């Protein structure tokens, strides 16, 4: 391959390079909440150095949640307070560029160079191993969670921080709201435990599996779901799709997706919801309910979606540049 330059939106190519033969050595200064998905290839025995200083966590540039998920996978996570680099080395490729591991980076104008030149691959690996860094312990991670929870970022920095899934239910790019029927699941305790081992909860936003049956299509990540309860007299608390579809552990068939909710939200009766809606919105909701019973799910118009989310004091977020 030689050397390849990738500009604007390089994360697909970064992921492809990182998926090649390990072990993997990375130094990426800032990890957003979504970093474990962007760095899905990192696993047991791989090493990543991040900037997990109190300043980085206070500004919500580095997410303790992301660190926790990576550590649970067996990744060795170290912190170097002065780090600003963004590099990855596998046995085959080196990636050098500007991209932090965050959703905000995926929507920013980034640039990277990817190469299979053995000398560069070796130098990037040696660079990561030479960074003065300390492995993050359980006690340090607990402290970083407290720092995060007790701080509010003063400003939004493109490519680094912004509206976070650890401080609000709805991510900054959530635009689609689906009214859907619920599916009865048959997940066993062992299966639920196996699924729980794959995630690290943000404290105020529990994560749970939503089983998909043969009729259920999967939903793109960050889709907002308003789910009808078993008794079609109430709507369950809003949920945000947190993962792509996954196979149920140890089963030959069956899929699920992870969803996030907010721990202080409760189901709302349709009678109470209707009292908060205008006559036009009540009619639109009735039509959506009828369509849902016939087709399992229906996408809501933005004005109706906003009116329904307001019942839980939520609203569809605007991207930072629109504010």
C-alpha atoms as a PDB file:
ATOM      1  CA  UNK A   1       0.000   0.000   0.000  1.00  0.00           C
ATOM      2  CA  UNK A   2       2.785   2.446   0.834  1.00  0.00           C
ATOM      3  CA  UNK A   3       1.292   5.641   2.240  1.00  0.00           C
ATOM      4  CA  UNK A   4      -2.371   6.696   2.023  1.00  0.00           C
ATOM      5  CA  UNK A   5      -3.772  10.082   3.007  1.00  0.00           C
ATOM      6  CA  UNK A   6      -7.413  10.150   4.149  1.00  0.00           C
ATOM      7  CA  UNK A   7      -9.117  13.475   4.783  1.00  0.00           C
ATOM      8  CA  UNK A   8     -12.484  14.786   5.985  1.00  0.00           C
ATOM      9  CA  UNK A   9     -14.084  11.607   7.415  1.00  0.00           C
ATOM     10  CA  UNK A  10     -11.362   9.014   7.975  1.00  0.00           C
ATOM     11  CA  UNK A  11     -12.882   6.790  10.674  1.00  0.00           C
ATOM     12  CA  UNK A  12     -13.938   3.969   8.321  1.00  0.00           C
ATOM     13  CA  UNK A  13     -10.360   3.642   7.094  1.00  0.00           C
ATOM     14  CA  UNK A  14      -8.976   3.966  10.623  1.00  0.00           C
ATOM     15  CA  UNK A  15     -11.204   1.069  11.711  1.00  0.00           C
ATOM     16  CA  UNK A  16     -10.153  -1.041   8.724  1.00  0.00           C
ATOM     17  CA  UNK A  17      -6.480  -0.506   9.522  1.00  0.00           C
ATOM     18  CA  UNK A  18      -7.006  -1.197  13.237  1.00  0.00           C
ATOM     19  CA  UNK A  19      -8.806  -4.453  12.398  1.00  0.00           C
ATOM     20  CA  UNK A  20      -5.627  -5.988  10.956  1.00  0.00           C
ATOM     21  CA  UNK A  21      -3.344  -8.334  12.876  1.00  0.00           C
ATOM     22  CA  UNK A  22      -2.485  -7.222  16.419  1.00  0.00           C
ATOM     23  CA  UNK A  23      -1.292  -6.611  19.006  1.00  0.00           C
ATOM     24  CA  UNK A  24      -2.423  -2.996  18.847  1.00  0.00           C
ATOM     25  CA  UNK A  25      -0.763   0.010  20.423  1.00  0.00           C
ATOM     26  CA  UNK A  26      -2.616   3.339  20.426  1.00  0.00           C
ATOM     27  CA  UNK A  27      -2.141   6.806  21.846  1.00  0.00           C
ATOM     28  CA  UNK A  28      -5.335   8.821  21.450  1.00  0.00           C
ATOM     29  CA  UNK A  29      -5.620  11.835  23.691  1.00  0.00           C
ATOM     30  CA  UNK A  30      -9.370  12.097  24.104  1.00  0.00           C
ATOM     31  CA  UNK A  31     -12.025   9.374  24.257  1.00  0.00           C
ATOM     32  CA  UNK A  32     -15.687  10.249  23.872  1.00  0.00           C
ATOM     33  CA  UNK A  33     -18.460   8.104  25.300  1.00  0.00           C
ATOM     34  CA  UNK A  34     -18.681   6.308  21.939  1.00  0.00           C
ATOM     35  CA  UNK A  35     -14.953   5.492  21.733  1.00  0.00           C
ATOM     36  CA  UNK A  36     -15.394   1.750  22.447  1.00  0.00           C
ATOM     37  CA  UNK A  37     -17.476   1.432  19.274  1.00  0.00           C
ATOM     38  CA  UNK A  38     -14.993   3.439  17.191  1.00  0.00           C
ATOM     39  CA  UNK A  39     -12.179   1.335  18.661  1.00  0.00           C
ATOM     40  CA  UNK A  40     -14.122  -1.912  18.448  1.00  0.00           C
ATOM     41  CA  UNK A  41     -10.990  -3.790  17.327  1.00  0.00           C
ATOM     42  CA  UNK A  42      -9.138  -3.169  20.602  1.00  0.00           C
ATOM     43  CA  UNK A  43      -9.297  -6.140  22.955  1.00  0.00           C
ATOM     44  CA  UNK A  44      -7.380  -8.402  25.303  1.00  0.00           C
ATOM     45  CA  UNK A  45      -3.721  -7.434  25.573  1.00  0.00           C
ATOM     46  CA  UNK A  46      -3.903  -4.307  23.424  1.00  0.00           C
ATOM     47  CA  UNK A  47      -2.620  -1.022  24.868  1.00  0.00           C
ATOM     48  CA  UNK A  48      -4.006   2.495  24.645  1.00  0.00           C
ATOM     49  CA  UNK A  49      -2.625   5.666  26.221  1.00  0.00           C
ATOM     50  CA  UNK A  50      -5.124   8.507  26.765  1.00  0.00           C
ATOM     51  CA  UNK A  51      -5.249  11.863  28.482  1.00  0.00           C
ATOM     52  CA  UNK A  52      -7.339  11.049  31.564  1.00  0.00           C
ATOM     53  CA  UNK A  53      -6.161  14.022  33.588  1.00  0.00           C
ATOM     54  CA  UNK A  54      -8.715  15.706  35.832  1.00  0.00           C
ATOM     55  CA  UNK A  55      -8.691  18.649  33.408  1.00  0.00           C
ATOM     56  CA  UNK A  56      -9.577  16.383  30.474  1.00  0.00           C
ATOM     57  CA  UNK A  57     -12.360  14.665  32.422  1.00  0.00           C
ATOM     58  CA  UNK A  58     -13.687  17.928  33.892  1.00  0.00           C
ATOM     59  CA  UNK A  59     -14.010  19.363  30.368  1.00  0.00           C
ATOM     60  CA  UNK A  60     -15.729  16.120  29.269  1.00  0.00           C
ATOM     61  CA  UNK A  61     -13.004  15.547  26.690  1.00  0.00           C
ATOM     62  CA  UNK A  62     -12.171  12.074  28.066  1.00  0.00           C
ATOM     63  CA  UNK A  63     -14.985   9.774  29.190  1.00  0.00           C
ATOM     64  CA  UNK A  64     -14.565   7.468  32.214  1.00  0.00           C
ATOM     65  CA  UNK A  65     -17.316   5.318  30.694  1.00  0.00           C
ATOM     66  CA  UNK A  66     -15.191   4.661  27.610  1.00  0.00           C
ATOM     67  CA  UNK A  67     -12.191   3.804  29.764  1.00  0.00           C
ATOM     68  CA  UNK A  68     -14.308   1.368  31.770  1.00  0.00           C
ATOM     69  CA  UNK A  69     -15.609  -0.436  28.692  1.00  0.00           C
ATOM     70  CA  UNK A  70     -12.128  -0.801  27.190  1.00  0.00           C
ATOM     71  CA  UNK A  71     -10.702  -2.106  30.468  1.00  0.00           C
ATOM     72  CA  UNK A  72     -13.523  -4.635  30.721  1.00  0.00           C
ATOM     73  CA  UNK A  73     -12.487  -5.945  27.276  1.00  0.00           C
ATOM     74  CA  UNK A  74      -8.973  -6.556  28.559  1.00  0.00           C
ATOM     75  CA  UNK A  75      -7.387  -3.462  26.999  1.00  0.00           C
ATOM     76  CA  UNK A  76      -4.561  -1.962  29.071  1.00  0.00           C
ATOM     77  CA  UNK A  77      -5.549   1.715  29.469  1.00  0.00           C
ATOM     78  CA  UNK A  78      -2.877   4.172  30.584  1.00  0.00           C
ATOM     79  CA  UNK A  79      -3.019   7.899  31.189  1.00  0.00           C
ATOM     80  CA  UNK A  80      -0.492  10.572  30.257  1.00  0.00           C
ATOM     81  CA  UNK A  81      -1.735  14.027  31.317  1.00  0.00           C
ATOM     82  CA  UNK A  82       0.155  15.928  28.602  1.00  0.00           C
ATOM     83  CA  UNK A  83      -0.868  13.658  25.741  1.00  0.00           C
ATOM     84  CA  UNK A  84      -2.229  15.205  22.551  1.00  0.00           C
ATOM     85  CA  UNK A  85      -1.257  12.505  20.016  1.00  0.00           C
ATOM     86  CA  UNK A  86      -3.613  10.382  17.896  1.00  0.00           C
ATOM     87  CA  UNK A  87      -1.796   7.303  16.588  1.00  0.00           C
ATOM     88  CA  UNK A  88      -2.440   3.561  16.250  1.00  0.00           C
ATOM     89  CA  UNK A  89      -0.059   0.749  15.330  1.00  0.00           C
ATOM     90  CA  UNK A  90      -0.946  -2.861  14.540  1.00  0.00           C
ATOM     91  CA  UNK A  91       1.458  -5.534  13.288  1.00  0.00           C
ATOM     92  CA  UNK A  92       0.735  -4.335   9.733  1.00  0.00           C
ATOM     93  CA  UNK A  93      -0.284  -0.677   9.720  1.00  0.00           C
ATOM     94  CA  UNK A  94       0.340   2.645  11.384  1.00  0.00           C
ATOM     95  CA  UNK A  95      -2.241   5.425  11.594  1.00  0.00           C
ATOM     96  CA  UNK A  96      -1.116   8.983  12.342  1.00  0.00           C
ATOM     97  CA  UNK A  97      -3.535  11.894  12.312  1.00  0.00           C
ATOM     98  CA  UNK A  98      -5.784  14.361  14.057  1.00  0.00           C
ATOM     99  CA  UNK A  99      -8.774  12.194  15.035  1.00  0.00           C
ATOM    100  CA  UNK A 100      -9.778  11.671  18.635  1.00  0.00           C
ATOM    101  CA  UNK A 101     -12.073   8.712  19.337  1.00  0.00           C
ATOM    102  CA  UNK A 102     -15.384  10.515  19.713  1.00  0.00           C
ATOM    103  CA  UNK A 103     -18.617  11.052  17.848  1.00  0.00           C
ATOM    104  CA  UNK A 104     -17.670  14.702  17.604  1.00  0.00           C
ATOM    105  CA  UNK A 105     -14.516  13.682  15.769  1.00  0.00           C
ATOM    106  CA  UNK A 106     -16.560  11.654  13.260  1.00  0.00           C
ATOM    107  CA  UNK A 107     -18.503  14.794  12.359  1.00  0.00           C
ATOM    108  CA  UNK A 108     -15.455  17.069  12.270  1.00  0.00           C
ATOM    109  CA  UNK A 109     -13.048  17.652   9.390  1.00  0.00           C
ATOM    110  CA  UNK A 110     -10.177  15.303  10.306  1.00  0.00           C
ATOM    111  CA  UNK A 111      -7.180  13.931   8.408  1.00  0.00           C
ATOM    112  CA  UNK A 112      -4.928  10.891   8.845  1.00  0.00           C
ATOM    113  CA  UNK A 113      -2.056   9.141   7.122  1.00  0.00           C
ATOM    114  CA  UNK A 114      -2.140   5.321   6.996  1.00  0.00           C
ATOM    115  CA  UNK A 115       0.924   3.331   6.010  1.00  0.00           C
ATOM    116  CA  UNK A 116       2.271  -0.207   5.985  1.00  0.00           C
ATOM    117  CA  UNK A 117       5.905   0.923   5.897  1.00  0.00           C
ATOM    118  CA  UNK A 118       7.570  -1.315   8.459  1.00  0.00           C
ATOM    119  CA  UNK A 119       9.858   1.401   9.791  1.00  0.00           C
ATOM    120  CA  UNK A 120       6.921   3.735  10.517  1.00  0.00           C
ATOM    121  CA  UNK A 121       4.845   0.929  12.049  1.00  0.00           C
ATOM    122  CA  UNK A 122       7.752   0.094  14.355  1.00  0.00           C
ATOM    123  CA  UNK A 123       8.373   3.741  15.269  1.00  0.00           C
ATOM    124  CA  UNK A 124       4.715   4.366  16.137  1.00  0.00           C
ATOM    125  CA  UNK A 125       4.646   1.240  18.317  1.00  0.00           C
ATOM    126  CA  UNK A 126       7.874   2.264  20.019  1.00  0.00           C
ATOM    127  CA  UNK A 127       6.535   5.792  20.513  1.00  0.00           C
ATOM    128  CA  UNK A 128       3.403   4.517  22.303  1.00  0.00           C
ATOM    129  CA  UNK A 129       5.482   2.263  24.549  1.00  0.00           C
ATOM    130  CA  UNK A 130       7.871   5.112  25.367  1.00  0.00           C
ATOM    131  CA  UNK A 131       5.214   7.573  26.580  1.00  0.00           C
ATOM    132  CA  UNK A 132       5.543   8.173  30.342  1.00  0.00           C
ATOM    133  CA  UNK A 133       2.134   6.867  31.397  1.00  0.00           C
ATOM    134  CA  UNK A 134       0.476   5.100  34.335  1.00  0.00           C
ATOM    135  CA  UNK A 135      -2.054   2.295  34.028  1.00  0.00           C
ATOM    136  CA  UNK A 136      -5.496   3.357  35.265  1.00  0.00           C
ATOM    137  CA  UNK A 137      -6.626   1.434  38.359  1.00  0.00           C
ATOM    138  CA  UNK A 138     -10.142   0.687  39.613  1.00  0.00           C
ATOM    139  CA  UNK A 139      -9.751   3.332  42.321  1.00  0.00           C
ATOM    140  CA  UNK A 140      -8.625   5.963  39.809  1.00  0.00           C
ATOM    141  CA  UNK A 141     -11.529   5.139  37.502  1.00  0.00           C
ATOM    142  CA  UNK A 142     -14.034   5.537  40.349  1.00  0.00           C
ATOM    143  CA  UNK A 143     -12.515   8.939  41.084  1.00  0.00           C
ATOM    144  CA  UNK A 144     -12.775   9.961  37.415  1.00  0.00           C
ATOM    145  CA  UNK A 145     -16.464   9.021  37.417  1.00  0.00           C
ATOM    146  CA  UNK A 146     -16.978  11.369  40.361  1.00  0.00           C
ATOM    147  CA  UNK A 147     -15.052  14.153  38.621  1.00  0.00           C
ATOM    148  CA  UNK A 148     -17.189  13.730  35.494  1.00  0.00           C
ATOM    149  CA  UNK A 149     -20.478  13.698  37.381  1.00  0.00           C
ATOM    150  CA  UNK A 150     -19.616  16.828  39.331  1.00  0.00           C
ATOM    151  CA  UNK A 151     -18.455  18.944  36.401  1.00  0.00           C
ATOM    152  CA  UNK A 152     -20.061  20.694  33.457  1.00  0.00           C
ATOM    153  CA  UNK A 153     -17.902  21.549  30.426  1.00  0.00           C
ATOM    154  CA  UNK A 154     -17.542  25.300  29.946  1.00  0.00           C
ATOM    155  CA  UNK A 155     -17.277  25.156  26.163  1.00  0.00           C
ATOM    156  CA  UNK A 156     -17.747  22.821  23.218  1.00  0.00           C
ATOM    157  CA  UNK A 157     -14.596  22.034  21.258  1.00  0.00           C
ATOM    158  CA  UNK A 158     -15.219  20.560  17.772  1.00  0.00           C
ATOM    159  CA  UNK A 159     -13.759  17.085  17.427  1.00  0.00           C
ATOM    160  CA  UNK A 160     -13.361  16.622  21.191  1.00  0.00           C
ATOM    161  CA  UNK A 161     -16.364  17.184  23.460  1.00  0.00           C
ATOM    162  CA  UNK A 162     -19.964  18.382  23.329  1.00  0.00           C
ATOM    163  CA  UNK A 163     -23.366  17.029  24.291  1.00  0.00           C
ATOM    164  CA  UNK A 164     -22.628  13.723  25.972  1.00  0.00           C
ATOM    165  CA  UNK A 165     -24.589  10.555  26.553  1.00  0.00           C
ATOM    166  CA  UNK A 166     -23.299  10.610  30.125  1.00  0.00           C
ATOM    167  CA  UNK A 167     -24.987  13.911  30.942  1.00  0.00           C
ATOM    168  CA  UNK A 168     -28.153  13.588  28.863  1.00  0.00           C
ATOM    169  CA  UNK A 169     -30.264  10.817  27.409  1.00  0.00           C
ATOM    170  CA  UNK A 170     -30.453  12.151  23.863  1.00  0.00           C
ATOM    171  CA  UNK A 171     -27.168  12.349  21.915  1.00  0.00           C
ATOM    172  CA  UNK A 172     -26.456  15.393  19.776  1.00  0.00           C
ATOM    173  CA  UNK A 173     -27.222  13.608  16.483  1.00  0.00           C
ATOM    174  CA  UNK A 174     -30.523  12.008  17.551  1.00  0.00           C
ATOM    175  CA  UNK A 175     -33.126  13.024  14.961  1.00  0.00           C
ATOM    176  CA  UNK A 176     -35.388   9.995  14.413  1.00  0.00           C
ATOM    177  CA  UNK A 177     -38.202   9.055  16.805  1.00  0.00           C
ATOM    178  CA  UNK A 178     -39.972   5.717  16.308  1.00  0.00           C
ATOM    179  CA  UNK A 179     -43.209   4.593  17.954  1.00  0.00           C
ATOM    180  CA  UNK A 180     -42.935   0.823  18.279  1.00  0.00           C
ATOM    181  CA  UNK A 181     -44.666  -2.160  19.803  1.00  0.00           C
ATOM    182  CA  UNK A 182     -42.751  -4.104  22.450  1.00  0.00           C
ATOM    183  CA  UNK A 183     -41.520  -7.640  21.901  1.00  0.00           C
ATOM    184  CA  UNK A 184     -41.840 -10.309  24.585  1.00  0.00           C
ATOM    185  CA  UNK A 185     -38.321 -11.559  25.270  1.00  0.00           C
ATOM    186  CA  UNK A 186     -37.162 -14.944  26.500  1.00  0.00           C
ATOM    187  CA  UNK A 187     -33.622 -14.013  27.467  1.00  0.00           C
ATOM    188  CA  UNK A 188     -32.311 -16.259  30.237  1.00  0.00           C
ATOM    189  CA  UNK A 189     -30.423 -15.090  33.317  1.00  0.00           C
ATOM    190  CA  UNK A 190     -27.176 -16.476  31.861  1.00  0.00           C
ATOM    191  CA  UNK A 191     -27.760 -14.640  28.578  1.00  0.00           C
ATOM    192  CA  UNK A 192     -28.533 -11.402  30.405  1.00  0.00           C
ATOM    193  CA  UNK A 193     -25.331 -11.774  32.444  1.00  0.00           C
ATOM    194  CA  UNK A 194     -23.300 -12.394  29.266  1.00  0.00           C
ATOM    195  CA  UNK A 195     -24.800  -9.294  27.657  1.00  0.00           C
ATOM    196  CA  UNK A 196     -24.228  -7.184  30.783  1.00  0.00           C
ATOM    197  CA  UNK A 197     -20.538  -8.082  30.690  1.00  0.00           C
ATOM    198  CA  UNK A 198     -20.217  -6.264  27.350  1.00  0.00           C
ATOM    199  CA  UNK A 199     -21.225  -2.808  28.619  1.00  0.00           C
ATOM    200  CA  UNK A 200     -20.266  -0.311  31.291  1.00  0.00           C
ATOM    201  CA  UNK A 201     -23.215   1.724  32.521  1.00  0.00           C
ATOM    202  CA  UNK A 202     -23.221   5.477  32.636  1.00  0.00           C
ATOM    203  CA  UNK A 203     -24.616   5.905  36.129  1.00  0.00           C
ATOM    204  CA  UNK A 204     -27.831   7.807  35.426  1.00  0.00           C
ATOM    205  CA  UNK A 205     -28.599   6.000  32.160  1.00  0.00           C
ATOM    206  CA  UNK A 206     -29.143   2.241  32.529  1.00  0.00           C
ATOM    207  CA  UNK A 207     -28.457   0.046  29.512  1.00  0.00           C
ATOM    208  CA  UNK A 208     -30.547  -3.048  28.776  1.00  0.00           C
ATOM    209  CA  UNK A 209     -31.063  -5.467  25.885  1.00  0.00           C
ATOM    210  CA  UNK A 210     -34.097  -5.196  23.610  1.00  0.00           C
ATOM    211  CA  UNK A 211     -34.755  -8.502  21.881  1.00  0.00           C
ATOM    212  CA  UNK A 212     -35.705  -8.456  18.208  1.00  0.00           C
ATOM    213  CA  UNK A 213     -38.127 -11.035  16.868  1.00  0.00           C
ATOM    214  CA  UNK A 214     -38.400 -12.255  13.279  1.00  0.00           C
ATOM    215  CA  UNK A 215     -40.675  -9.327  12.375  1.00  0.00           C
ATOM    216  CA  UNK A 216     -38.512  -6.667  13.974  1.00  0.00           C
ATOM    217  CA  UNK A 217     -36.089  -4.739  11.869  1.00  0.00           C
ATOM    218  CA  UNK A 218     -33.099  -3.346  13.664  1.00  0.00           C
ATOM    219  CA  UNK A 219     -32.763   0.365  14.334  1.00  0.00           C
ATOM    220  CA  UNK A 220     -29.787   2.645  13.593  1.00  0.00           C
ATOM    221  CA  UNK A 221     -27.766   3.664  16.614  1.00  0.00           C
ATOM    222  CA  UNK A 222     -29.101   6.805  18.372  1.00  0.00           C
ATOM    223  CA  UNK A 223     -32.675   6.218  17.165  1.00  0.00           C
ATOM    224  CA  UNK A 224     -35.139   7.319  19.847  1.00  0.00           C
ATOM    225  CA  UNK A 225     -37.795   4.702  20.648  1.00  0.00           C
ATOM    226  CA  UNK A 226     -41.177   5.304  22.240  1.00  0.00           C
ATOM    227  CA  UNK A 227     -42.371   1.795  23.103  1.00  0.00           C
ATOM    228  CA  UNK A 228     -45.944   0.739  23.759  1.00  0.00           C
ATOM    229  CA  UNK A 229     -46.343  -1.338  26.892  1.00  0.00           C
ATOM    230  CA  UNK A 230     -47.888  -4.821  26.929  1.00  0.00           C
ATOM    231  CA  UNK A 231     -51.168  -3.160  27.787  1.00  0.00           C
ATOM    232  CA  UNK A 232     -51.615  -0.531  25.040  1.00  0.00           C
ATOM    233  CA  UNK A 233     -52.700   2.108  27.536  1.00  0.00           C
ATOM    234  CA  UNK A 234     -49.308   3.636  28.215  1.00  0.00           C
ATOM    235  CA  UNK A 235     -45.977   4.475  26.607  1.00  0.00           C
ATOM    236  CA  UNK A 236     -42.766   3.305  28.222  1.00  0.00           C
ATOM    237  CA  UNK A 237     -39.992   5.826  28.993  1.00  0.00           C
ATOM    238  CA  UNK A 238     -38.052   7.045  25.947  1.00  0.00           C
ATOM    239  CA  UNK A 239     -35.144   4.797  24.994  1.00  0.00           C
ATOM    240  CA  UNK A 240     -32.153   5.458  22.760  1.00  0.00           C
ATOM    241  CA  UNK A 241     -30.684   2.668  20.629  1.00  0.00           C
ATOM    242  CA  UNK A 242     -27.158   2.192  21.921  1.00  0.00           C
ATOM    243  CA  UNK A 243     -25.695  -0.565  19.731  1.00  0.00           C
ATOM    244  CA  UNK A 244     -26.018  -2.224  16.333  1.00  0.00           C
ATOM    245  CA  UNK A 245     -27.890  -5.565  16.302  1.00  0.00           C
ATOM    246  CA  UNK A 246     -25.987  -8.366  18.006  1.00  0.00           C
ATOM    247  CA  UNK A 247     -26.445 -12.121  18.201  1.00  0.00           C
ATOM    248  CA  UNK A 248     -27.807 -13.473  21.463  1.00  0.00           C
ATOM    249  CA  UNK A 249     -24.904 -15.181  23.265  1.00  0.00           C
ATOM    250  CA  UNK A 250     -24.710 -18.973  22.796  1.00  0.00           C
ATOM    251  CA  UNK A 251     -27.768 -19.083  20.507  1.00  0.00           C
ATOM    252  CA  UNK A 252     -27.753 -20.108  16.875  1.00  0.00           C
ATOM    253  CA  UNK A 253     -30.511 -17.596  16.088  1.00  0.00           C
ATOM    254  CA  UNK A 254     -31.903 -14.466  17.667  1.00  0.00           C
ATOM    255  CA  UNK A 255     -30.731 -10.861  17.898  1.00  0.00           C
ATOM    256  CA  UNK A 256     -30.920  -7.969  20.302  1.00  0.00           C
ATOM    257  CA  UNK A 257     -29.930  -4.323  20.510  1.00  0.00           C
ATOM    258  CA  UNK A 258     -28.867  -2.400  23.572  1.00  0.00           C
ATOM    259  CA  UNK A 259     -31.030   0.550  24.585  1.00  0.00           C
ATOM    260  CA  UNK A 260     -30.463   3.347  27.096  1.00  0.00           C
ATOM    261  CA  UNK A 261     -33.075   4.907  29.332  1.00  0.00           C
ATOM    262  CA  UNK A 262     -33.005   7.517  32.083  1.00  0.00           C
ATOM    263  CA  UNK A 263     -33.369   6.174  35.594  1.00  0.00           C
ATOM    264  CA  UNK A 264     -35.866   8.787  36.818  1.00  0.00           C
ATOM    265  CA  UNK A 265     -38.238   8.349  33.873  1.00  0.00           C
ATOM    266  CA  UNK A 266     -41.473   6.386  34.234  1.00  0.00           C
ATOM    267  CA  UNK A 267     -44.141   5.107  31.853  1.00  0.00           C
ATOM    268  CA  UNK A 268     -46.881   7.589  30.957  1.00  0.00           C
ATOM    269  CA  UNK A 269     -50.520   6.675  30.500  1.00  0.00           C
ATOM    270  CA  UNK A 270     -51.974   7.629  27.143  1.00  0.00           C
ATOM    271  CA  UNK A 271     -54.764   9.526  28.894  1.00  0.00           C
ATOM    272  CA  UNK A 272     -52.187  11.707  30.676  1.00  0.00           C
ATOM    273  CA  UNK A 273     -50.174  12.177  27.480  1.00  0.00           C
ATOM    274  CA  UNK A 274     -53.253  13.223  25.507  1.00  0.00           C
ATOM    275  CA  UNK A 275     -54.024  15.929  28.074  1.00  0.00           C
ATOM    276  CA  UNK A 276     -50.680  17.557  27.210  1.00  0.00           C
ATOM    277  CA  UNK A 277     -51.209  17.417  23.427  1.00  0.00           C
ATOM    278  CA  UNK A 278     -53.025  19.775  21.105  1.00  0.00           C
ATOM    279  CA  UNK A 279     -56.072  18.384  19.257  1.00  0.00           C
ATOM    280  CA  UNK A 280     -54.002  18.059  16.072  1.00  0.00           C
ATOM    281  CA  UNK A 281     -51.284  16.124  17.910  1.00  0.00           C
ATOM    282  CA  UNK A 282     -53.862  13.863  19.556  1.00  0.00           C
ATOM    283  CA  UNK A 283     -55.242  12.968  16.141  1.00  0.00           C
ATOM    284  CA  UNK A 284     -51.711  12.398  14.785  1.00  0.00           C
ATOM    285  CA  UNK A 285     -50.910  10.134  17.756  1.00  0.00           C
ATOM    286  CA  UNK A 286     -54.091   8.125  17.184  1.00  0.00           C
ATOM    287  CA  UNK A 287     -53.088   7.565  13.560  1.00  0.00           C
ATOM    288  CA  UNK A 288     -49.566   6.576  14.617  1.00  0.00           C
ATOM    289  CA  UNK A 289     -50.926   4.110  17.184  1.00  0.00           C
ATOM    290  CA  UNK A 290     -53.165   2.505  14.583  1.00  0.00           C
ATOM    291  CA  UNK A 291     -50.238   2.203  12.162  1.00  0.00           C
ATOM    292  CA  UNK A 292     -48.049   0.719  14.899  1.00  0.00           C
ATOM    293  CA  UNK A 293     -50.584  -2.020  15.654  1.00  0.00           C
ATOM    294  CA  UNK A 294     -50.584  -2.958  11.960  1.00  0.00           C
ATOM    295  CA  UNK A 295     -46.879  -2.643  11.120  1.00  0.00           C
ATOM    296  CA  UNK A 296     -45.015  -2.936  14.484  1.00  0.00           C
ATOM    297  CA  UNK A 297     -43.367   0.500  14.228  1.00  0.00           C
ATOM    298  CA  UNK A 298     -43.836   3.913  12.655  1.00  0.00           C
ATOM    299  CA  UNK A 299     -41.608   6.967  12.334  1.00  0.00           C
ATOM    300  CA  UNK A 300     -43.092  10.052  13.973  1.00  0.00           C
ATOM    301  CA  UNK A 301     -43.252  13.484  12.381  1.00  0.00           C
ATOM    302  CA  UNK A 302     -40.857  15.927  14.111  1.00  0.00           C
ATOM    303  CA  UNK A 303     -43.582  18.096  15.632  1.00  0.00           C
ATOM    304  CA  UNK A 304     -45.413  15.099  17.142  1.00  0.00           C
ATOM    305  CA  UNK A 305     -42.107  13.612  18.325  1.00  0.00           C
ATOM    306  CA  UNK A 306     -41.221  16.865  20.093  1.00  0.00           C
ATOM    307  CA  UNK A 307     -44.662  17.030  21.712  1.00  0.00           C
ATOM    308  CA  UNK A 308     -44.380  13.462  23.025  1.00  0.00           C
ATOM    309  CA  UNK A 309     -40.803  13.831  24.270  1.00  0.00           C
ATOM    310  CA  UNK A 310     -41.881  16.944  26.161  1.00  0.00           C
ATOM    311  CA  UNK A 311     -43.967  14.637  28.402  1.00  0.00           C
ATOM    312  CA  UNK A 312     -40.604  13.512  29.841  1.00  0.00           C
ATOM    313  CA  UNK A 313     -39.083  17.023  29.729  1.00  0.00           C
ATOM    314  CA  UNK A 314     -36.982  16.042  26.697  1.00  0.00           C
ATOM    315  CA  UNK A 315     -36.521  17.648  23.303  1.00  0.00           C
ATOM    316  CA  UNK A 316     -34.656  16.733  20.175  1.00  0.00           C
ATOM    317  CA  UNK A 317     -31.213  18.317  20.453  1.00  0.00           C
ATOM    318  CA  UNK A 318     -29.743  20.678  17.922  1.00  0.00           C
ATOM    319  CA  UNK A 319     -26.152  20.215  16.789  1.00  0.00           C
ATOM    320  CA  UNK A 320     -23.759  22.724  18.426  1.00  0.00           C
ATOM    321  CA  UNK A 321     -23.331  24.760  15.227  1.00  0.00           C
ATOM    322  CA  UNK A 322     -27.103  25.339  15.045  1.00  0.00           C
ATOM    323  CA  UNK A 323     -27.339  26.767  18.529  1.00  0.00           C
END
